[in-house]
Amino acid sequence: MKNAKKITSILILASMTMVLFVGCGSTKTDTTANTNTNATDSQTRKSDPTAMKTLYSDTLKSLVTDGTITQAQSDQVLEAVTKNVPQNTGTDKSSGTDKSTGTKTKNNRLSELVTSGVITQAQADTINQKVGEAMKSNQSNQSK
């Protein structure tokens, strides 16, 4: 009788342990799947070159309106940052450049415009700040 109680207790304990691990494992998998879906949706939104061009265009128009840059400067900046926009998504691990937004590349292109005297460093900083704010606003609107 004592052996039967011990065996029953061990089986119950083993069953409960298995249920606990299996239950936790399936929840983790579901969370991972949802995270991957959200990341893919985010990359899809970011990789749209037309949307990026529109975002930059709208931001630069507002900077022309408030007198931060001229229309000629705006045209040159827009051309520089939208030239050869990457079509693929993801992150290039070697350079740290986000391929979907080309962030590092666009900053380098603005630096080239500063070096060539098209815009000042202060104007480049303002452009980066305003575009960043517009991206955050755009992302928060899309996530709602």
Protein backbone atom coordinates (compact mmCIF):
# COMPACT_ATOMS: atom_id res chain seq x y z
CA MET A 1 0.00 0.00 0.00
CA LYS A 2 2.83 2.41 0.85
CA ASN A 3 4.52 1.72 -2.49
CA ALA A 4 1.30 2.42 -4.38
CA LYS A 5 0.96 5.82 -2.65
CA LYS A 6 4.60 6.66 -3.44
CA ILE A 7 4.22 5.67 -7.08
CA THR A 8 0.97 7.63 -7.38
CA SER A 9 2.58 10.69 -5.78
CA ILE A 10 5.58 10.50 -8.12
CA LEU A 11 3.31 10.16 -11.18
CA ILE A 12 1.17 13.11 -10.09
CA LEU A 13 4.26 15.22 -9.41
CA ALA A 14 5.80 14.28 -12.77
CA SER A 15 2.51 15.01 -14.58
CA MET A 16 2.17 18.41 -12.93
CA THR A 17 5.77 19.27 -13.82
CA MET A 18 5.22 18.29 -17.46
CA VAL A 19 2.00 20.30 -17.67
CA LEU A 20 3.78 23.31 -16.21
CA PHE A 21 6.67 23.16 -18.70
CA VAL A 22 4.44 22.42 -21.70
CA GLY A 23 2.05 25.22 -20.76
CA CYS A 24 4.84 27.78 -20.36
CA GLY A 25 6.52 26.69 -23.57
CA SER A 26 3.40 27.18 -25.70
CA THR A 27 2.80 30.66 -24.28
CA LYS A 28 6.36 31.68 -25.10
CA THR A 29 5.98 30.41 -28.67
CA ASP A 30 2.76 32.38 -29.16
CA THR A 31 4.40 35.56 -27.89
CA THR A 32 7.35 35.06 -30.22
CA ALA A 33 5.03 34.54 -33.18
CA ASN A 34 3.17 37.77 -32.37
CA THR A 35 6.42 39.69 -32.00
CA ASN A 36 7.69 38.41 -35.35
CA THR A 37 4.42 39.40 -37.03
CA ASN A 38 4.62 42.90 -35.54
CA ALA A 39 8.26 43.26 -36.63
CA THR A 40 7.36 42.21 -40.17
CA ASP A 41 4.48 44.71 -40.29
CA SER A 42 6.80 47.43 -39.03
CA GLN A 43 9.45 46.59 -41.63
CA THR A 44 6.84 46.59 -44.38
CA ARG A 45 5.70 50.07 -43.40
CA LYS A 46 9.26 51.39 -43.14
CA SER A 47 10.46 49.89 -46.41
CA ASP A 48 8.01 51.79 -48.60
CA PRO A 49 10.18 54.26 -50.55
CA THR A 50 7.15 56.31 -51.59
CA ALA A 51 6.14 56.80 -47.96
CA MET A 52 9.69 57.82 -47.03
CA LYS A 53 9.83 60.33 -49.88
CA THR A 54 6.46 61.76 -48.82
CA LEU A 55 7.62 62.02 -45.20
CA TYR A 56 10.80 63.87 -46.19
CA SER A 57 8.93 66.05 -48.68
CA ASP A 58 6.33 67.13 -46.13
CA THR A 59 8.97 67.78 -43.48
CA LEU A 60 11.13 69.81 -45.86
CA LYS A 61 8.09 71.85 -46.99
CA SER A 62 7.43 72.85 -43.41
CA LEU A 63 11.09 73.85 -42.97
CA VAL A 64 10.88 76.00 -46.13
CA THR A 65 7.67 77.59 -44.84
CA ASP A 66 9.21 78.52 -41.50
CA GLY A 67 12.37 79.86 -43.19
CA THR A 68 14.82 77.27 -41.88
CA ILE A 69 15.89 76.31 -45.42
CA THR A 70 15.23 77.62 -48.92
CA GLN A 71 13.23 75.83 -51.60
CA ALA A 72 16.45 75.17 -53.55
CA GLN A 73 18.02 73.59 -50.47
CA SER A 74 14.89 71.53 -49.91
CA ASP A 75 15.02 70.21 -53.48
CA GLN A 76 18.68 69.23 -53.12
CA VAL A 77 18.14 67.55 -49.74
CA LEU A 78 15.14 65.59 -51.05
CA GLU A 79 17.10 64.45 -54.08
CA ALA A 80 20.07 63.41 -51.94
CA VAL A 81 18.15 61.43 -49.32
CA THR A 82 15.82 59.66 -51.76
CA LYS A 83 18.50 58.75 -54.29
CA ASN A 84 18.93 54.96 -54.53
CA VAL A 85 16.51 54.19 -51.69
CA PRO A 86 17.04 50.53 -50.73
CA GLN A 87 14.11 48.25 -51.56
CA ASN A 88 14.91 45.41 -49.13
CA THR A 89 14.23 45.31 -45.41
CA GLY A 90 16.25 44.35 -42.38
CA THR A 91 19.45 45.52 -40.81
CA ASP A 92 22.86 45.23 -42.37
CA LYS A 93 24.78 43.82 -39.41
CA SER A 94 28.21 44.87 -40.71
CA SER A 95 27.45 48.59 -40.93
CA GLY A 96 24.50 48.89 -38.52
CA THR A 97 22.48 50.56 -41.24
CA ASP A 98 18.77 49.93 -41.19
CA LYS A 99 18.17 48.93 -44.81
CA SER A 100 14.47 49.77 -44.66
CA THR A 101 15.05 53.41 -43.76
CA GLY A 102 18.66 53.82 -44.83
CA THR A 103 19.14 56.02 -41.78
CA LYS A 104 22.93 55.97 -41.73
CA THR A 105 23.09 56.56 -45.49
CA LYS A 106 20.71 59.53 -45.32
CA ASN A 107 22.72 61.09 -42.51
CA ASN A 108 25.87 60.64 -44.59
CA ARG A 109 24.15 62.29 -47.55
CA LEU A 110 23.20 65.25 -45.38
CA SER A 111 26.81 65.43 -44.19
CA GLU A 112 27.91 65.55 -47.82
CA LEU A 113 25.52 68.47 -48.40
CA VAL A 114 26.99 70.25 -45.37
CA THR A 115 30.53 69.64 -46.62
CA SER A 116 29.66 70.94 -50.09
CA GLY A 117 28.06 74.07 -48.60
CA VAL A 118 24.49 73.38 -49.72
CA ILE A 119 23.20 73.45 -46.13
CA THR A 120 24.70 74.28 -42.76
CA GLN A 121 25.27 71.77 -39.96
CA ALA A 122 22.51 73.47 -37.95
CA GLN A 123 20.11 73.01 -40.87
CA ALA A 124 21.12 69.34 -41.21
CA ASP A 125 20.54 68.83 -37.48
CA THR A 126 17.11 70.47 -37.73
CA ILE A 127 16.20 68.31 -40.73
CA ASN A 128 17.24 65.15 -38.86
CA GLN A 129 15.29 66.22 -35.78
CA LYS A 130 12.10 67.08 -37.70
CA VAL A 131 12.23 63.91 -39.81
CA GLY A 132 12.74 61.85 -36.65
CA GLU A 133 9.73 63.50 -35.01
CA ALA A 134 7.64 62.90 -38.14
CA MET A 135 8.68 59.22 -38.19
CA LYS A 136 7.75 58.76 -34.54
CA SER A 137 4.42 60.48 -35.10
CA ASN A 138 3.79 58.40 -38.20
CA GLN A 139 4.64 55.15 -36.39
CA SER A 140 2.42 55.97 -33.43
CA ASN A 141 -0.47 56.82 -35.77
CA GLN A 142 -0.02 53.53 -37.67
CA SER A 143 0.12 51.44 -34.49
CA LYS A 144 -3.27 52.73 -33.30
